[in-house]
Amino acid sequence: MGRSQRADPAGLAGSARALTQQRPLGDRIFQALALAAGLLVLAILVLIAVATTSQSTSWFSHEGITGIFTTTWDPAHNKFGVLTFLYGTVVTAVIAVILSVPVSVAIALLLTEVLSYRWARPIVYVIDLLAVVPSVVWGLWGLIVFAPWAQRTIYAPVAGAVKGVPILGNLFGPGTGGVVSGPSFFTAGVILAFMITPIVTSLSREVIATVPVIDREGAYALGATRWEMIRGVVFPHSQGGIVGAVLLGLGRAMGETIAAALVIGSIPAITSHLFSTGYNMPAVIVNQFGESSGVFRSALLGIGVLLFVLTIIVNLIARGIVARSMARQRGA
């Protein structure tokens, strides 16, 4: 073999010329299909936004920007303020996140840092199954089983114990008229927490699993305990991904419809008492859309637009946090 035919040991592996040649037809077809799929998703989102916004313009013009964020919702008199529903959406989503995140992160750490693969695998299967349970099933279980039990066993005793106590009495004490309701803000938050826990757990587990083994072994070699290794190695490496998972779960909790509609009570109210009935944006849409028309329907579509914007903002924040965390890890 002549000298000109020998591979240069100092050169790049493979042929540099092949990279400049036109790729095979199959690769170009796959690229075109992948690009079309991505553009299709974007086009669908744009069409949804345009269609719902165009059909809600009469509500925006009828109420005005300031009128939208009022507490009066009276379709009989063409009053369509959504502040009550926005408040219920935020309260139930925050309750869900507060209840779900510690449990989700703890389960993720259990599966990645404590249990062996043999014992962790069945738990992963159960978590994946919980993630695909239909929301109407969660809602019916919450309405028929959880809400009556919680009202007797948890809500009433807790409300009686904290009555008159500053802050706690305002949050967990009896509501207006001394009523403690089973369907309530708190019940909706608990059901939403059940629904987002598998999502936050799965995403957190995947992020924690990317921590380099050498970093874990280095911490142990320096004499760190398991908790010190988790606190000093796992959490700093996974912080951005876990926060992104939490925000994605928050977006799911804000947009959940059927389950929240069944267990929140469907009575518009802005109150600090979490055991009182309330309403949120997805619930009012699903409950009242069938009987709406004119400005009433436009108002419900406008609520959908606001909810759509809120969930997109939350998901964009999550994506940004994850991207910044990954960039920081690459630069470290």
Protein backbone atom coordinates (compact mmCIF):
# COMPACT_ATOMS: atom_id res chain seq x y z
CA MET A 1 0.00 0.00 0.00
CA GLY A 2 1.45 3.36 -1.01
CA ARG A 3 2.11 6.22 1.35
CA SER A 4 -0.75 8.27 -0.10
CA GLN A 5 -3.26 5.56 0.77
CA ARG A 6 -2.31 5.24 4.43
CA ALA A 7 -4.48 6.85 7.10
CA ASP A 8 -2.92 9.81 8.82
CA PRO A 9 -2.68 8.89 12.53
CA ALA A 10 -2.79 12.59 13.45
CA GLY A 11 -5.88 13.30 11.37
CA LEU A 12 -9.57 13.04 12.20
CA ALA A 13 -11.20 9.62 12.36
CA GLY A 14 -13.20 8.85 9.23
CA SER A 15 -13.28 10.79 6.05
CA ALA A 16 -13.62 14.55 6.22
CA ARG A 17 -14.77 14.56 2.62
CA ALA A 18 -17.80 12.45 3.50
CA LEU A 19 -19.08 15.21 5.80
CA THR A 20 -19.19 17.68 2.92
CA GLN A 21 -21.02 15.36 0.58
CA GLN A 22 -24.78 15.35 0.23
CA ARG A 23 -26.40 13.08 2.77
CA PRO A 24 -28.35 9.99 1.67
CA LEU A 25 -31.96 10.34 0.61
CA GLY A 26 -33.23 8.55 3.72
CA ASP A 27 -31.51 11.04 6.03
CA ARG A 28 -32.93 13.98 4.10
CA ILE A 29 -36.45 12.51 4.21
CA PHE A 30 -36.15 11.94 7.95
CA GLN A 31 -34.93 15.51 8.46
CA ALA A 32 -37.85 16.87 6.44
CA LEU A 33 -40.37 14.77 8.40
CA ALA A 34 -38.91 15.80 11.75
CA LEU A 35 -38.94 19.45 10.73
CA ALA A 36 -42.53 19.16 9.51
CA ALA A 37 -43.59 17.55 12.81
CA GLY A 38 -42.00 20.35 14.81
CA LEU A 39 -43.55 23.05 12.64
CA LEU A 40 -46.93 21.29 12.87
CA VAL A 41 -46.90 21.50 16.67
CA LEU A 42 -46.00 25.17 16.49
CA ALA A 43 -48.71 25.80 13.90
CA ILE A 44 -51.32 24.06 16.08
CA LEU A 45 -50.40 26.22 19.07
CA VAL A 46 -50.60 29.37 16.95
CA LEU A 47 -53.99 28.34 15.52
CA ILE A 48 -55.35 27.60 19.00
CA ALA A 49 -54.18 30.97 20.26
CA VAL A 50 -55.57 32.84 17.24
CA ALA A 51 -58.93 31.04 17.24
CA THR A 52 -59.61 31.42 20.97
CA THR A 53 -58.38 35.01 21.08
CA SER A 54 -60.50 36.06 18.09
CA GLN A 55 -63.61 34.53 19.65
CA SER A 56 -63.00 36.22 23.01
CA THR A 57 -62.55 39.76 21.71
CA SER A 58 -66.14 40.71 22.54
CA TRP A 59 -65.49 39.88 26.20
CA PHE A 60 -62.31 41.98 26.27
CA SER A 61 -64.11 44.91 24.63
CA HIS A 62 -67.16 44.49 26.90
CA GLU A 63 -65.30 44.35 30.21
CA GLY A 64 -62.07 46.16 29.43
CA ILE A 65 -58.74 45.25 30.98
CA THR A 66 -59.68 46.56 34.42
CA GLY A 67 -63.13 44.99 34.29
CA ILE A 68 -61.70 41.55 33.62
CA PHE A 69 -59.91 41.46 36.95
CA THR A 70 -62.96 42.04 39.11
CA THR A 71 -64.74 39.56 41.36
CA THR A 72 -68.23 39.86 39.86
CA TRP A 73 -69.27 36.87 37.74
CA ASP A 74 -72.96 37.26 36.90
CA PRO A 75 -73.90 36.00 33.41
CA ALA A 76 -77.53 37.09 33.93
CA HIS A 77 -76.36 40.72 34.10
CA ASN A 78 -73.41 40.40 31.70
CA LYS A 79 -70.77 40.77 34.42
CA PHE A 80 -67.74 38.62 33.76
CA GLY A 81 -64.88 39.36 36.14
CA VAL A 82 -62.41 36.48 36.49
CA LEU A 83 -60.37 37.50 39.53
CA THR A 84 -62.16 34.91 41.68
CA PHE A 85 -61.30 32.11 39.27
CA LEU A 86 -57.71 33.29 38.88
CA TYR A 87 -57.37 33.28 42.66
CA GLY A 88 -58.74 29.73 42.89
CA THR A 89 -56.36 28.54 40.17
CA VAL A 90 -53.33 29.97 41.93
CA VAL A 91 -54.36 28.72 45.39
CA THR A 92 -55.06 25.13 44.32
CA ALA A 93 -51.88 24.96 42.21
CA VAL A 94 -49.74 26.28 45.06
CA ILE A 95 -51.28 23.78 47.50
CA ALA A 96 -50.58 20.98 45.04
CA VAL A 97 -46.94 22.02 44.61
CA ILE A 98 -46.34 22.43 48.36
CA LEU A 99 -47.74 18.96 49.06
CA SER A 100 -46.22 17.23 46.04
CA VAL A 101 -42.65 18.51 45.79
CA PRO A 102 -41.20 17.15 49.08
CA VAL A 103 -42.77 13.74 48.44
CA SER A 104 -41.66 13.68 44.80
CA VAL A 105 -38.05 14.63 45.53
CA ALA A 106 -37.91 12.16 48.43
CA ILE A 107 -39.17 9.33 46.21
CA ALA A 108 -36.69 10.30 43.47
CA LEU A 109 -33.82 10.20 45.97
CA LEU A 110 -35.07 6.87 47.33
CA LEU A 111 -35.07 5.34 43.85
CA THR A 112 -31.67 6.69 42.81
CA GLU A 113 -29.61 6.87 45.99
CA VAL A 114 -30.99 4.30 48.43
CA LEU A 115 -32.68 1.32 46.79
CA SER A 116 -31.02 -1.12 44.46
CA TYR A 117 -32.29 -1.44 40.90
CA ARG A 118 -34.08 -4.68 41.78
CA TRP A 119 -36.24 -2.99 44.42
CA ALA A 120 -36.55 0.38 42.68
CA ARG A 121 -37.92 -1.03 39.42
CA PRO A 122 -41.39 -2.03 40.80
CA ILE A 123 -41.81 1.40 42.38
CA VAL A 124 -40.94 3.05 39.06
CA TYR A 125 -43.62 0.94 37.34
CA VAL A 126 -46.22 2.02 39.92
CA ILE A 127 -45.29 5.69 39.52
CA ASP A 128 -45.56 5.41 35.74
CA LEU A 129 -49.00 3.81 36.10
CA LEU A 130 -50.18 6.61 38.40
CA ALA A 131 -49.13 9.15 35.78
CA VAL A 132 -51.58 7.72 33.23
CA VAL A 133 -54.63 7.41 35.50
CA PRO A 134 -57.38 9.55 33.86
CA SER A 135 -58.16 12.79 35.62
CA VAL A 136 -61.85 11.94 35.85
CA VAL A 137 -60.95 8.88 37.93
CA TRP A 138 -58.96 11.05 40.35
CA GLY A 139 -61.86 13.51 40.49
CA LEU A 140 -64.50 10.87 41.19
CA TRP A 141 -62.33 9.26 43.86
CA GLY A 142 -61.77 12.65 45.44
CA LEU A 143 -65.47 13.53 45.36
CA ILE A 144 -66.88 10.19 46.54
CA VAL A 145 -64.15 8.90 48.85
CA PHE A 146 -61.58 11.49 49.85
CA ALA A 147 -63.70 14.62 50.36
CA PRO A 148 -66.26 13.07 52.80
CA TRP A 149 -63.52 11.25 54.71
CA ALA A 150 -61.31 14.35 54.93
CA GLN A 151 -64.22 16.52 56.07
CA ARG A 152 -64.98 14.21 59.00
CA THR A 153 -61.48 13.09 59.91
CA ILE A 154 -59.21 16.05 59.10
CA TYR A 155 -60.99 19.28 58.22
CA ALA A 156 -63.50 19.51 61.06
CA PRO A 157 -61.05 18.58 63.88
CA VAL A 158 -58.30 20.84 62.53
CA ALA A 159 -60.70 23.75 62.00
CA GLY A 160 -61.98 23.41 65.56
CA ALA A 161 -58.45 23.21 66.99
CA VAL A 162 -57.08 26.32 65.24
CA LYS A 163 -60.22 28.48 65.52
CA GLY A 164 -59.18 31.88 66.82
CA VAL A 165 -55.45 31.19 66.37
CA PRO A 166 -53.71 33.96 64.36
CA ILE A 167 -52.78 33.00 60.79
CA LEU A 168 -53.63 29.31 61.28
CA GLY A 169 -57.22 30.21 62.07
CA ASN A 170 -57.44 32.26 58.90
CA LEU A 171 -56.03 29.42 56.79
CA PHE A 172 -57.51 26.29 58.33
CA GLY A 173 -60.32 27.57 60.52
CA PRO A 174 -64.04 27.40 59.67
CA GLY A 175 -65.11 29.49 56.70
CA THR A 176 -68.06 31.84 56.38
CA GLY A 177 -70.85 30.74 58.70
CA GLY A 178 -68.55 28.27 60.43
CA VAL A 179 -68.83 25.82 57.54
CA VAL A 180 -66.10 23.31 56.74
CA SER A 181 -66.70 21.77 53.35
CA GLY A 182 -65.41 18.51 51.89
CA PRO A 183 -65.16 19.86 48.33
CA SER A 184 -62.84 22.83 48.83
CA PHE A 185 -59.65 24.57 47.79
CA PHE A 186 -57.64 22.15 49.91
CA THR A 187 -59.33 19.04 48.53
CA ALA A 188 -58.68 20.23 44.98
CA GLY A 189 -55.05 20.91 45.91
CA VAL A 190 -54.64 17.43 47.37
CA ILE A 191 -56.10 15.74 44.27
CA LEU A 192 -53.89 17.85 42.02
CA ALA A 193 -50.91 16.91 44.18
CA PHE A 194 -51.68 13.22 43.61
CA MET A 195 -51.82 13.90 39.88
CA ILE A 196 -48.56 15.84 39.53
CA THR A 197 -46.47 13.75 41.93
CA PRO A 198 -45.69 11.05 39.31
CA ILE A 199 -44.63 13.73 36.82
CA VAL A 200 -42.35 15.59 39.22
CA THR A 201 -40.96 12.31 40.56
CA SER A 202 -40.11 10.90 37.13
CA LEU A 203 -38.45 14.09 35.92
CA SER A 204 -36.52 14.55 39.17
CA ARG A 205 -35.38 10.93 39.09
CA GLU A 206 -34.05 11.31 35.55
CA VAL A 207 -32.19 14.49 36.51
CA ILE A 208 -30.68 12.99 39.67
CA ALA A 209 -29.58 9.91 37.72
CA THR A 210 -27.35 12.12 35.54
CA VAL A 211 -25.08 13.01 38.47
CA PRO A 212 -21.63 11.57 37.55
CA VAL A 213 -20.71 8.48 39.54
CA ILE A 214 -17.20 9.82 40.05
CA ASP A 215 -18.62 12.83 41.93
CA ARG A 216 -20.56 10.55 44.26
CA GLU A 217 -17.54 8.30 44.85
CA GLY A 218 -15.34 11.34 45.42
CA ALA A 219 -17.65 12.58 48.16
CA TYR A 220 -17.67 9.18 49.82
CA ALA A 221 -13.87 8.98 49.53
CA LEU A 222 -13.62 12.25 51.45
CA GLY A 223 -15.62 10.73 54.28
CA ALA A 224 -19.05 12.19 53.51
CA THR A 225 -22.15 10.41 54.71
CA ARG A 226 -24.95 9.63 52.28
CA TRP A 227 -26.90 12.73 53.28
CA GLU A 228 -23.78 14.90 53.01
CA MET A 229 -23.14 13.46 49.54
CA ILE A 230 -26.72 14.22 48.49
CA ARG A 231 -26.58 17.72 49.91
CA GLY A 232 -23.13 18.56 48.54
CA VAL A 233 -23.13 16.71 45.20
CA VAL A 234 -26.59 15.63 44.08
CA PHE A 235 -28.55 18.78 44.91
CA PRO A 236 -26.12 21.30 43.36
CA HIS A 237 -25.90 19.22 40.18
CA SER A 238 -29.66 18.60 39.92
CA GLN A 239 -31.06 21.86 41.25
CA GLY A 240 -31.99 23.38 37.91
CA GLY A 241 -33.60 20.19 36.62
CA ILE A 242 -35.63 19.68 39.78
CA VAL A 243 -36.88 23.27 39.69
CA GLY A 244 -37.84 22.76 36.05
CA ALA A 245 -39.72 19.58 36.98
CA VAL A 246 -41.57 21.46 39.73
CA LEU A 247 -42.60 24.22 37.34
CA LEU A 248 -43.81 21.71 34.78
CA GLY A 249 -45.89 20.09 37.51
CA LEU A 250 -47.20 23.54 38.43
CA GLY A 251 -48.28 24.09 34.84
CA ARG A 252 -50.13 20.77 34.88
CA ALA A 253 -51.83 21.66 38.16
CA MET A 254 -52.97 25.03 36.84
CA GLY A 255 -54.49 23.54 33.70
CA GLU A 256 -56.18 20.44 35.11
CA THR A 257 -59.92 20.57 34.43
CA ILE A 258 -62.18 17.63 35.28
CA ALA A 259 -60.63 16.60 38.58
CA ALA A 260 -60.60 20.17 39.89
CA ALA A 261 -64.18 20.79 38.72
CA LEU A 262 -65.43 17.78 40.68
CA VAL A 263 -63.79 18.52 44.03
CA ILE A 264 -63.37 22.30 44.34
CA GLY A 265 -67.01 23.06 45.18
CA SER A 266 -67.82 25.37 42.24
CA ILE A 267 -68.77 28.42 44.33
CA PRO A 268 -66.89 31.64 43.40
CA ALA A 269 -65.19 33.07 46.47
CA ILE A 270 -61.97 34.79 47.46
CA THR A 271 -61.19 33.68 50.99
CA SER A 272 -58.16 32.71 53.01
CA HIS A 273 -59.96 29.66 54.44
CA LEU A 274 -58.59 26.68 52.54
CA PHE A 275 -61.37 24.37 53.75
CA SER A 276 -63.99 26.52 52.02
CA THR A 277 -65.51 25.91 48.61
CA GLY A 278 -64.14 27.82 45.64
CA TYR A 279 -63.79 27.92 41.88
CA ASN A 280 -60.92 28.03 39.40
CA MET A 281 -60.47 28.81 35.74
CA PRO A 282 -60.56 25.29 34.24
CA ALA A 283 -63.55 24.33 36.38
CA VAL A 284 -65.72 27.27 35.34
CA ILE A 285 -65.00 26.60 31.66
CA VAL A 286 -65.99 22.93 31.81
CA ASN A 287 -69.03 23.55 34.02
CA GLN A 288 -70.61 26.49 32.18
CA PHE A 289 -69.49 26.30 28.57
CA GLY A 290 -72.38 24.10 27.47
CA GLU A 291 -75.01 26.65 28.49
CA SER A 292 -73.16 29.76 27.29
CA SER A 293 -73.71 32.02 24.30
CA GLY A 294 -72.77 35.49 23.11
CA VAL A 295 -70.59 37.48 25.49
CA PHE A 296 -70.93 34.71 28.07
CA ARG A 297 -69.23 32.21 25.76
CA SER A 298 -66.69 34.83 24.75
CA ALA A 299 -65.84 35.32 28.44
CA LEU A 300 -65.26 31.61 28.94
CA LEU A 301 -63.05 31.51 25.86
CA GLY A 302 -61.19 34.52 27.23
CA ILE A 303 -60.58 32.62 30.48
CA GLY A 304 -59.16 29.84 28.35
CA VAL A 305 -56.83 32.34 26.67
CA LEU A 306 -55.63 33.63 30.04
CA LEU A 307 -55.07 30.08 31.28
CA PHE A 308 -53.25 29.20 28.06
CA VAL A 309 -50.93 32.18 28.50
CA LEU A 310 -50.27 31.35 32.17
CA THR A 311 -49.35 27.74 31.45
CA ILE A 312 -47.09 28.74 28.54
CA ILE A 313 -45.30 31.27 30.74
CA VAL A 314 -44.76 28.67 33.46
CA ASN A 315 -43.43 26.12 30.96
CA LEU A 316 -41.12 28.67 29.33
CA ILE A 317 -39.72 29.56 32.74
CA ALA A 318 -39.14 25.86 33.41
CA ARG A 319 -37.37 25.38 30.08
CA GLY A 320 -35.21 28.42 30.73
CA ILE A 321 -34.17 27.20 34.17
CA VAL A 322 -33.29 23.75 32.84
CA ALA A 323 -31.32 25.20 29.91
CA ARG A 324 -29.39 27.55 32.19
CA SER A 325 -28.62 24.69 34.58
CA MET A 326 -27.32 22.52 31.74
CA ALA A 327 -25.19 25.38 30.40
CA ARG A 328 -23.72 25.93 33.87
CA GLN A 329 -22.91 22.24 34.18
CA ARG A 330 -21.18 22.20 30.79
CA GLY A 331 -19.14 25.23 31.77
CA ALA A 332 -18.14 23.77 35.14
